[in-house]
Amino acid sequence: MNAPLNLPNVKDQVSAAEWQARVDLAACYRLIAMHGWDDLIFTHISAKVPGTEDFLINPFGLMFHEITASSLVKLDLSGKKLMDSPYEINPAGYTIHSAIHEVRHDVGCVLHTHTAAGIAVSAQKQGLLPISQQSLFVLSSLAYHDYEGVAINHEEKVRLQADLGDKHFFILPNHGLLTAFGSIADAFLGMFTLQRACEAQVMAQSGGAELIHIPQQILDGSAAMIAGVMKTSQGMGGSLAWPALLRKLDQQMPGYDQ
């Protein structure tokens, strides 16, 4: 039987701002597990350490429901660990997350998943279709990056950066989904929206009936409206949903704030 995790609490070793980022990021990992969007130990979420270029990411080998604020690994952009940890990190996670954090200084959190619905839509030549209200939000800021194999080649970083550009939603064909937002709350809410749009698309396609596409004039009008709302609120408005999500997490999966 494996021994339970017994990692020291690092709250007294970091700033208050970093500790809050750690708590929120650990909560995000557990929310991904709660929604069934994890892939054993093989995907990753990162968050910038406030006021620095460093970022936090999951220890490679822990399930998402096990992750705590203290277990997160702190790296600089070169991949150097900045605090002692018995864990290494996922090499593909470093490639993807460091690439985005290097160039997107507006992004505080990058969230990547391998859900079945996300992979299914990513494998479709037309990508995400405008067939749901959720898709409106995604299509207003969506980019794609062609599959290059497991992301362990650092030369891929420049192409990831160029393809993402200034967008917030990223579909990685044959691979999965990614969101990049200013806050952890917005990155989670963005992923909830993208995941729901993918699930709706796969379910609608499975019925075999002809699909109703949202008219282009509505897409055009919605894109401008959504862009304006996101600019005004500096993101998806995730701060509205985040406290409720944490209340649910405290009931069902407590301990992330350790």
C-alpha atoms as a PDB file:
ATOM      1  CA  MET A   1       0.000   0.000   0.000  1.00  0.00           C
ATOM      2  CA  ASN A   2       1.372   3.439  -0.927  1.00  0.00           C
ATOM      3  CA  ALA A   3       1.985   5.827   1.949  1.00  0.00           C
ATOM      4  CA  PRO A   4      -0.277   8.892   2.098  1.00  0.00           C
ATOM      5  CA  LEU A   5       1.139  12.226   0.985  1.00  0.00           C
ATOM      6  CA  ASN A   6       2.937  13.998   3.804  1.00  0.00           C
ATOM      7  CA  LEU A   7       4.373  17.153   2.270  1.00  0.00           C
ATOM      8  CA  PRO A   8       5.339  20.125   4.469  1.00  0.00           C
ATOM      9  CA  ASN A   9       3.098  23.195   4.406  1.00  0.00           C
ATOM     10  CA  VAL A  10       4.919  26.079   2.677  1.00  0.00           C
ATOM     11  CA  LYS A  11       2.565  28.913   3.630  1.00  0.00           C
ATOM     12  CA  ASP A  12       5.187  30.548   5.859  1.00  0.00           C
ATOM     13  CA  GLN A  13       7.841  30.316   3.116  1.00  0.00           C
ATOM     14  CA  VAL A  14       6.023  32.332   0.436  1.00  0.00           C
ATOM     15  CA  SER A  15       4.332  35.704   0.109  1.00  0.00           C
ATOM     16  CA  ALA A  16       0.639  36.127   0.856  1.00  0.00           C
ATOM     17  CA  ALA A  17       0.004  36.720  -2.851  1.00  0.00           C
ATOM     18  CA  GLU A  18       1.811  33.524  -3.841  1.00  0.00           C
ATOM     19  CA  TRP A  19      -0.025  31.534  -1.190  1.00  0.00           C
ATOM     20  CA  GLN A  20      -3.385  32.743  -2.509  1.00  0.00           C
ATOM     21  CA  ALA A  21      -2.334  31.771  -6.040  1.00  0.00           C
ATOM     22  CA  ARG A  22      -1.331  28.338  -4.727  1.00  0.00           C
ATOM     23  CA  VAL A  23      -4.673  27.840  -2.987  1.00  0.00           C
ATOM     24  CA  ASP A  24      -6.655  28.891  -6.052  1.00  0.00           C
ATOM     25  CA  LEU A  25      -4.557  26.736  -8.396  1.00  0.00           C
ATOM     26  CA  ALA A  26      -4.879  23.682  -6.145  1.00  0.00           C
ATOM     27  CA  ALA A  27      -8.632  24.324  -6.062  1.00  0.00           C
ATOM     28  CA  CYS A  28      -8.664  24.477  -9.863  1.00  0.00           C
ATOM     29  CA  TYR A  29      -6.947  21.085 -10.108  1.00  0.00           C
ATOM     30  CA  ARG A  30      -9.521  19.555  -7.796  1.00  0.00           C
ATOM     31  CA  LEU A  31     -12.396  21.169  -9.690  1.00  0.00           C
ATOM     32  CA  ILE A  32     -11.065  19.593 -12.887  1.00  0.00           C
ATOM     33  CA  ALA A  33     -11.045  16.217 -11.096  1.00  0.00           C
ATOM     34  CA  MET A  34     -14.527  16.826  -9.686  1.00  0.00           C
ATOM     35  CA  HIS A  35     -15.880  17.448 -13.187  1.00  0.00           C
ATOM     36  CA  GLY A  36     -14.140  14.339 -14.561  1.00  0.00           C
ATOM     37  CA  TRP A  37     -11.891  16.276 -16.927  1.00  0.00           C
ATOM     38  CA  ASP A  38      -8.578  14.932 -15.617  1.00  0.00           C
ATOM     39  CA  ASP A  39      -6.500  12.351 -17.489  1.00  0.00           C
ATOM     40  CA  LEU A  40      -4.869  10.438 -14.634  1.00  0.00           C
ATOM     41  CA  ILE A  41      -1.660  12.472 -14.038  1.00  0.00           C
ATOM     42  CA  PHE A  42      -1.097  13.585 -17.617  1.00  0.00           C
ATOM     43  CA  THR A  43      -2.432  17.102 -18.088  1.00  0.00           C
ATOM     44  CA  HIS A  44      -1.494  20.340 -16.408  1.00  0.00           C
ATOM     45  CA  ILE A  45      -2.577  23.764 -15.217  1.00  0.00           C
ATOM     46  CA  SER A  46      -0.168  26.583 -14.427  1.00  0.00           C
ATOM     47  CA  ALA A  47      -0.479  29.938 -12.713  1.00  0.00           C
ATOM     48  CA  LYS A  48       1.906  32.865 -12.559  1.00  0.00           C
ATOM     49  CA  VAL A  49       3.362  33.775  -9.183  1.00  0.00           C
ATOM     50  CA  PRO A  50       2.005  37.334  -8.788  1.00  0.00           C
ATOM     51  CA  GLY A  51       4.551  40.040  -9.502  1.00  0.00           C
ATOM     52  CA  THR A  52       7.057  37.650 -11.108  1.00  0.00           C
ATOM     53  CA  GLU A  53       7.708  35.710 -14.311  1.00  0.00           C
ATOM     54  CA  ASP A  54       7.772  32.447 -12.339  1.00  0.00           C
ATOM     55  CA  PHE A  55       4.910  29.987 -12.416  1.00  0.00           C
ATOM     56  CA  LEU A  56       3.368  27.129 -10.438  1.00  0.00           C
ATOM     57  CA  ILE A  57       2.478  23.759 -11.940  1.00  0.00           C
ATOM     58  CA  ASN A  58       1.472  20.290 -10.778  1.00  0.00           C
ATOM     59  CA  PRO A  59       3.968  17.769  -9.432  1.00  0.00           C
ATOM     60  CA  PHE A  60       4.223  14.941 -11.965  1.00  0.00           C
ATOM     61  CA  GLY A  61       2.836  11.815 -10.374  1.00  0.00           C
ATOM     62  CA  LEU A  62      -0.012  13.201  -8.305  1.00  0.00           C
ATOM     63  CA  MET A  63      -3.651  12.764  -9.259  1.00  0.00           C
ATOM     64  CA  PHE A  64      -5.501  16.045  -9.554  1.00  0.00           C
ATOM     65  CA  HIS A  65      -7.697  15.331  -6.530  1.00  0.00           C
ATOM     66  CA  GLU A  66      -4.534  14.968  -4.406  1.00  0.00           C
ATOM     67  CA  ILE A  67      -2.986  18.317  -5.240  1.00  0.00           C
ATOM     68  CA  THR A  68      -2.611  20.872  -2.455  1.00  0.00           C
ATOM     69  CA  ALA A  69      -1.348  24.429  -2.343  1.00  0.00           C
ATOM     70  CA  SER A  70       1.944  23.267  -0.796  1.00  0.00           C
ATOM     71  CA  SER A  71       2.562  20.438  -3.279  1.00  0.00           C
ATOM     72  CA  LEU A  72       2.683  22.700  -6.350  1.00  0.00           C
ATOM     73  CA  VAL A  73       6.097  23.085  -7.984  1.00  0.00           C
ATOM     74  CA  LYS A  74       7.479  26.593  -8.580  1.00  0.00           C
ATOM     75  CA  LEU A  75       9.560  27.124 -11.741  1.00  0.00           C
ATOM     76  CA  ASP A  76      11.215  29.971 -13.564  1.00  0.00           C
ATOM     77  CA  LEU A  77      10.765  30.288 -17.313  1.00  0.00           C
ATOM     78  CA  SER A  78      13.908  28.223 -17.932  1.00  0.00           C
ATOM     79  CA  GLY A  79      12.364  25.280 -16.067  1.00  0.00           C
ATOM     80  CA  LYS A  80      14.493  25.576 -12.937  1.00  0.00           C
ATOM     81  CA  LYS A  81      12.778  24.566  -9.686  1.00  0.00           C
ATOM     82  CA  LEU A  82      12.787  27.500  -7.274  1.00  0.00           C
ATOM     83  CA  MET A  83      11.772  25.580  -4.136  1.00  0.00           C
ATOM     84  CA  ASP A  84      12.635  22.094  -2.983  1.00  0.00           C
ATOM     85  CA  SER A  85      10.167  19.442  -4.110  1.00  0.00           C
ATOM     86  CA  PRO A  86      10.393  15.648  -4.188  1.00  0.00           C
ATOM     87  CA  TYR A  87       8.565  15.772  -7.518  1.00  0.00           C
ATOM     88  CA  GLU A  88       9.576  16.612 -11.062  1.00  0.00           C
ATOM     89  CA  ILE A  89       7.193  18.103 -13.618  1.00  0.00           C
ATOM     90  CA  ASN A  90       5.699  16.816 -16.850  1.00  0.00           C
ATOM     91  CA  PRO A  91       8.170  17.778 -19.643  1.00  0.00           C
ATOM     92  CA  ALA A  92       5.331  18.448 -22.101  1.00  0.00           C
ATOM     93  CA  GLY A  93       3.701  20.626 -19.469  1.00  0.00           C
ATOM     94  CA  TYR A  94       6.828  22.732 -19.210  1.00  0.00           C
ATOM     95  CA  THR A  95       7.008  23.178 -22.996  1.00  0.00           C
ATOM     96  CA  ILE A  96       3.402  24.288 -23.389  1.00  0.00           C
ATOM     97  CA  HIS A  97       3.087  26.465 -20.298  1.00  0.00           C
ATOM     98  CA  SER A  98       6.466  28.175 -20.456  1.00  0.00           C
ATOM     99  CA  ALA A  99       5.837  28.988 -24.126  1.00  0.00           C
ATOM    100  CA  ILE A 100       2.642  30.854 -23.291  1.00  0.00           C
ATOM    101  CA  HIS A 101       3.889  32.551 -20.130  1.00  0.00           C
ATOM    102  CA  GLU A 102       6.986  33.805 -21.979  1.00  0.00           C
ATOM    103  CA  VAL A 103       4.970  35.951 -24.380  1.00  0.00           C
ATOM    104  CA  ARG A 104       1.487  36.437 -22.909  1.00  0.00           C
ATOM    105  CA  HIS A 105       2.047  38.770 -19.988  1.00  0.00           C
ATOM    106  CA  ASP A 106      -1.722  39.258 -19.711  1.00  0.00           C
ATOM    107  CA  VAL A 107      -2.165  35.553 -18.898  1.00  0.00           C
ATOM    108  CA  GLY A 108      -2.124  34.490 -15.278  1.00  0.00           C
ATOM    109  CA  CYS A 109      -3.339  30.918 -15.775  1.00  0.00           C
ATOM    110  CA  VAL A 110      -3.042  28.308 -18.536  1.00  0.00           C
ATOM    111  CA  LEU A 111      -5.332  25.267 -18.315  1.00  0.00           C
ATOM    112  CA  HIS A 112      -4.922  22.205 -20.549  1.00  0.00           C
ATOM    113  CA  THR A 113      -7.140  19.105 -20.750  1.00  0.00           C
ATOM    114  CA  HIS A 114      -7.446  15.832 -22.666  1.00  0.00           C
ATOM    115  CA  THR A 115     -11.179  15.206 -22.333  1.00  0.00           C
ATOM    116  CA  ALA A 116     -12.918  12.768 -24.660  1.00  0.00           C
ATOM    117  CA  ALA A 117     -15.236  15.439 -26.080  1.00  0.00           C
ATOM    118  CA  GLY A 118     -12.355  17.896 -26.457  1.00  0.00           C
ATOM    119  CA  ILE A 119     -10.190  15.388 -28.307  1.00  0.00           C
ATOM    120  CA  ALA A 120     -13.153  14.359 -30.469  1.00  0.00           C
ATOM    121  CA  VAL A 121     -13.811  17.931 -31.599  1.00  0.00           C
ATOM    122  CA  SER A 122     -10.092  18.593 -32.007  1.00  0.00           C
ATOM    123  CA  ALA A 123      -9.957  15.664 -34.453  1.00  0.00           C
ATOM    124  CA  GLN A 124     -12.655  17.153 -36.695  1.00  0.00           C
ATOM    125  CA  LYS A 125     -11.445  19.101 -39.734  1.00  0.00           C
ATOM    126  CA  GLN A 126     -14.000  21.887 -39.192  1.00  0.00           C
ATOM    127  CA  GLY A 127     -13.132  22.197 -35.518  1.00  0.00           C
ATOM    128  CA  LEU A 128     -15.656  23.798 -33.200  1.00  0.00           C
ATOM    129  CA  LEU A 129     -18.956  24.478 -34.933  1.00  0.00           C
ATOM    130  CA  PRO A 130     -21.244  27.455 -34.222  1.00  0.00           C
ATOM    131  CA  ILE A 131     -24.151  25.341 -33.005  1.00  0.00           C
ATOM    132  CA  SER A 132     -24.473  26.267 -29.320  1.00  0.00           C
ATOM    133  CA  GLN A 133     -24.640  29.417 -27.253  1.00  0.00           C
ATOM    134  CA  GLN A 134     -21.449  28.289 -25.511  1.00  0.00           C
ATOM    135  CA  SER A 135     -19.665  28.171 -28.854  1.00  0.00           C
ATOM    136  CA  LEU A 136     -20.324  31.897 -29.345  1.00  0.00           C
ATOM    137  CA  PHE A 137     -18.035  32.764 -26.442  1.00  0.00           C
ATOM    138  CA  VAL A 138     -15.306  30.427 -27.641  1.00  0.00           C
ATOM    139  CA  LEU A 139     -15.414  31.374 -31.326  1.00  0.00           C
ATOM    140  CA  SER A 140     -14.931  35.036 -30.428  1.00  0.00           C
ATOM    141  CA  SER A 141     -11.354  34.255 -29.304  1.00  0.00           C
ATOM    142  CA  LEU A 142     -10.315  30.844 -30.672  1.00  0.00           C
ATOM    143  CA  ALA A 143      -7.052  29.624 -32.208  1.00  0.00           C
ATOM    144  CA  TYR A 144      -5.723  26.248 -33.396  1.00  0.00           C
ATOM    145  CA  HIS A 145      -2.241  24.677 -33.368  1.00  0.00           C
ATOM    146  CA  ASP A 146      -1.434  21.709 -35.597  1.00  0.00           C
ATOM    147  CA  TYR A 147      -0.334  18.512 -33.866  1.00  0.00           C
ATOM    148  CA  GLU A 148       3.441  17.963 -33.726  1.00  0.00           C
ATOM    149  CA  GLY A 149       3.517  14.910 -31.464  1.00  0.00           C
ATOM    150  CA  VAL A 150       4.021  14.915 -27.685  1.00  0.00           C
ATOM    151  CA  ALA A 151       5.127  18.442 -26.808  1.00  0.00           C
ATOM    152  CA  ILE A 152       8.669  17.748 -25.648  1.00  0.00           C
ATOM    153  CA  ASN A 153      10.441  19.564 -28.495  1.00  0.00           C
ATOM    154  CA  HIS A 154      11.276  23.059 -27.283  1.00  0.00           C
ATOM    155  CA  GLU A 155      11.467  24.237 -30.885  1.00  0.00           C
ATOM    156  CA  GLU A 156       7.683  23.896 -30.974  1.00  0.00           C
ATOM    157  CA  LYS A 157       7.322  26.733 -28.464  1.00  0.00           C
ATOM    158  CA  VAL A 158       7.673  29.482 -31.052  1.00  0.00           C
ATOM    159  CA  ARG A 159       4.918  27.926 -33.170  1.00  0.00           C
ATOM    160  CA  LEU A 160       2.638  27.539 -30.155  1.00  0.00           C
ATOM    161  CA  GLN A 161       3.182  31.200 -29.369  1.00  0.00           C
ATOM    162  CA  ALA A 162       2.505  32.350 -32.927  1.00  0.00           C
ATOM    163  CA  ASP A 163      -0.639  30.233 -33.314  1.00  0.00           C
ATOM    164  CA  LEU A 164      -2.173  31.293 -29.994  1.00  0.00           C
ATOM    165  CA  GLY A 165      -1.446  34.970 -30.626  1.00  0.00           C
ATOM    166  CA  ASP A 166      -3.746  37.076 -28.454  1.00  0.00           C
ATOM    167  CA  LYS A 167      -6.533  34.485 -28.222  1.00  0.00           C
ATOM    168  CA  HIS A 168      -7.905  32.952 -25.026  1.00  0.00           C
ATOM    169  CA  PHE A 169      -9.190  29.593 -26.318  1.00  0.00           C
ATOM    170  CA  PHE A 170      -6.882  27.081 -28.007  1.00  0.00           C
ATOM    171  CA  ILE A 171      -7.850  23.808 -29.673  1.00  0.00           C
ATOM    172  CA  LEU A 172      -4.896  21.484 -30.213  1.00  0.00           C
ATOM    173  CA  PRO A 173      -5.956  19.127 -33.050  1.00  0.00           C
ATOM    174  CA  ASN A 174      -5.646  15.407 -32.223  1.00  0.00           C
ATOM    175  CA  HIS A 175      -4.685  16.438 -28.706  1.00  0.00           C
ATOM    176  CA  GLY A 176      -7.079  18.458 -26.560  1.00  0.00           C
ATOM    177  CA  LEU A 177      -8.152  21.852 -25.263  1.00  0.00           C
ATOM    178  CA  LEU A 178      -6.472  24.827 -23.626  1.00  0.00           C
ATOM    179  CA  THR A 179      -7.551  28.130 -22.109  1.00  0.00           C
ATOM    180  CA  ALA A 180      -5.339  31.110 -21.252  1.00  0.00           C
ATOM    181  CA  PHE A 181      -6.775  33.909 -19.134  1.00  0.00           C
ATOM    182  CA  GLY A 182      -5.727  36.569 -16.674  1.00  0.00           C
ATOM    183  CA  SER A 183      -7.001  34.685 -13.634  1.00  0.00           C
ATOM    184  CA  ILE A 184      -7.386  31.114 -12.474  1.00  0.00           C
ATOM    185  CA  ALA A 185     -11.137  31.635 -12.110  1.00  0.00           C
ATOM    186  CA  ASP A 186     -11.456  32.844 -15.703  1.00  0.00           C
ATOM    187  CA  ALA A 187      -9.298  30.020 -17.063  1.00  0.00           C
ATOM    188  CA  PHE A 188     -11.587  27.505 -15.330  1.00  0.00           C
ATOM    189  CA  LEU A 189     -14.789  29.195 -16.463  1.00  0.00           C
ATOM    190  CA  GLY A 190     -13.353  29.424 -19.981  1.00  0.00           C
ATOM    191  CA  MET A 191     -12.616  25.703 -19.945  1.00  0.00           C
ATOM    192  CA  PHE A 192     -16.104  24.956 -18.612  1.00  0.00           C
ATOM    193  CA  THR A 193     -17.550  26.879 -21.566  1.00  0.00           C
ATOM    194  CA  LEU A 194     -15.240  25.268 -24.137  1.00  0.00           C
ATOM    195  CA  GLN A 195     -15.800  21.778 -22.734  1.00  0.00           C
ATOM    196  CA  ARG A 196     -19.579  22.253 -22.736  1.00  0.00           C
ATOM    197  CA  ALA A 197     -19.467  23.484 -26.353  1.00  0.00           C
ATOM    198  CA  CYS A 198     -17.492  20.377 -27.354  1.00  0.00           C
ATOM    199  CA  GLU A 199     -19.827  18.034 -25.475  1.00  0.00           C
ATOM    200  CA  ALA A 200     -22.858  19.641 -27.117  1.00  0.00           C
ATOM    201  CA  GLN A 201     -21.273  19.299 -30.557  1.00  0.00           C
ATOM    202  CA  VAL A 202     -20.417  15.615 -30.138  1.00  0.00           C
ATOM    203  CA  MET A 203     -23.874  14.842 -28.764  1.00  0.00           C
ATOM    204  CA  ALA A 204     -25.626  16.773 -31.538  1.00  0.00           C
ATOM    205  CA  GLN A 205     -23.568  14.999 -34.193  1.00  0.00           C
ATOM    206  CA  SER A 206     -24.309  11.599 -32.667  1.00  0.00           C
ATOM    207  CA  GLY A 207     -28.017  12.006 -33.402  1.00  0.00           C
ATOM    208  CA  GLY A 208     -27.365  12.001 -37.145  1.00  0.00           C
ATOM    209  CA  ALA A 209     -29.778  14.851 -37.903  1.00  0.00           C
ATOM    210  CA  GLU A 210     -28.819  17.939 -39.877  1.00  0.00           C
ATOM    211  CA  LEU A 211     -27.361  20.556 -37.538  1.00  0.00           C
ATOM    212  CA  ILE A 212     -28.631  24.122 -37.232  1.00  0.00           C
ATOM    213  CA  HIS A 213     -25.729  26.568 -37.470  1.00  0.00           C
ATOM    214  CA  ILE A 214     -26.039  29.940 -35.769  1.00  0.00           C
ATOM    215  CA  PRO A 215     -26.460  32.563 -38.519  1.00  0.00           C
ATOM    216  CA  GLN A 216     -23.355  34.544 -39.428  1.00  0.00           C
ATOM    217  CA  GLN A 217     -24.943  37.891 -38.543  1.00  0.00           C
ATOM    218  CA  ILE A 218     -25.539  36.659 -35.001  1.00  0.00           C
ATOM    219  CA  LEU A 219     -21.977  35.348 -34.813  1.00  0.00           C
ATOM    220  CA  ASP A 220     -20.617  38.685 -35.991  1.00  0.00           C
ATOM    221  CA  GLY A 221     -22.741  40.688 -33.560  1.00  0.00           C
ATOM    222  CA  SER A 222     -22.008  38.381 -30.658  1.00  0.00           C
ATOM    223  CA  ALA A 223     -18.266  38.439 -31.309  1.00  0.00           C
ATOM    224  CA  ALA A 224     -18.156  42.229 -30.901  1.00  0.00           C
ATOM    225  CA  MET A 225     -20.384  42.122 -27.816  1.00  0.00           C
ATOM    226  CA  ILE A 226     -18.406  39.337 -26.146  1.00  0.00           C
ATOM    227  CA  ALA A 227     -15.091  41.028 -26.921  1.00  0.00           C
ATOM    228  CA  GLY A 228     -16.412  44.190 -25.294  1.00  0.00           C
ATOM    229  CA  VAL A 229     -17.641  42.377 -22.210  1.00  0.00           C
ATOM    230  CA  MET A 230     -14.364  40.481 -21.821  1.00  0.00           C
ATOM    231  CA  LYS A 231     -12.383  43.694 -22.174  1.00  0.00           C
ATOM    232  CA  THR A 232     -14.544  45.516 -19.614  1.00  0.00           C
ATOM    233  CA  SER A 233     -14.489  42.667 -17.107  1.00  0.00           C
ATOM    234  CA  GLN A 234     -10.867  41.766 -17.963  1.00  0.00           C
ATOM    235  CA  GLY A 235     -11.863  38.187 -18.717  1.00  0.00           C
ATOM    236  CA  MET A 236     -14.794  35.787 -18.530  1.00  0.00           C
ATOM    237  CA  GLY A 237     -16.211  37.150 -15.293  1.00  0.00           C
ATOM    238  CA  GLY A 238     -15.053  34.022 -13.502  1.00  0.00           C
ATOM    239  CA  SER A 239     -14.879  35.845 -10.175  1.00  0.00           C
ATOM    240  CA  LEU A 240     -18.687  35.642 -10.026  1.00  0.00           C
ATOM    241  CA  ALA A 241     -18.713  31.839 -10.215  1.00  0.00           C
ATOM    242  CA  TRP A 242     -15.480  31.155  -8.314  1.00  0.00           C
ATOM    243  CA  PRO A 243     -16.792  31.611  -4.722  1.00  0.00           C
ATOM    244  CA  ALA A 244     -19.685  29.234  -5.464  1.00  0.00           C
ATOM    245  CA  LEU A 245     -17.298  26.699  -6.959  1.00  0.00           C
ATOM    246  CA  LEU A 246     -15.107  26.874  -3.857  1.00  0.00           C
ATOM    247  CA  ARG A 247     -18.127  26.328  -1.598  1.00  0.00           C
ATOM    248  CA  LYS A 248     -18.961  23.187  -3.547  1.00  0.00           C
ATOM    249  CA  LEU A 249     -15.339  22.059  -3.420  1.00  0.00           C
ATOM    250  CA  ASP A 250     -15.157  22.630   0.352  1.00  0.00           C
ATOM    251  CA  GLN A 251     -18.131  20.272   0.730  1.00  0.00           C
ATOM    252  CA  GLN A 252     -16.985  17.543  -1.640  1.00  0.00           C
ATOM    253  CA  MET A 253     -13.192  17.652  -1.849  1.00  0.00           C
ATOM    254  CA  PRO A 254     -11.668  19.713   1.028  1.00  0.00           C
ATOM    255  CA  GLY A 255      -7.973  19.959   1.833  1.00  0.00           C
ATOM    256  CA  TYR A 256      -6.692  21.772  -1.252  1.00  0.00           C
ATOM    257  CA  ASP A 257      -5.669  24.788   0.878  1.00  0.00           C
ATOM    258  CA  GLN A 258      -2.958  22.909   2.766  1.00  0.00           C
END
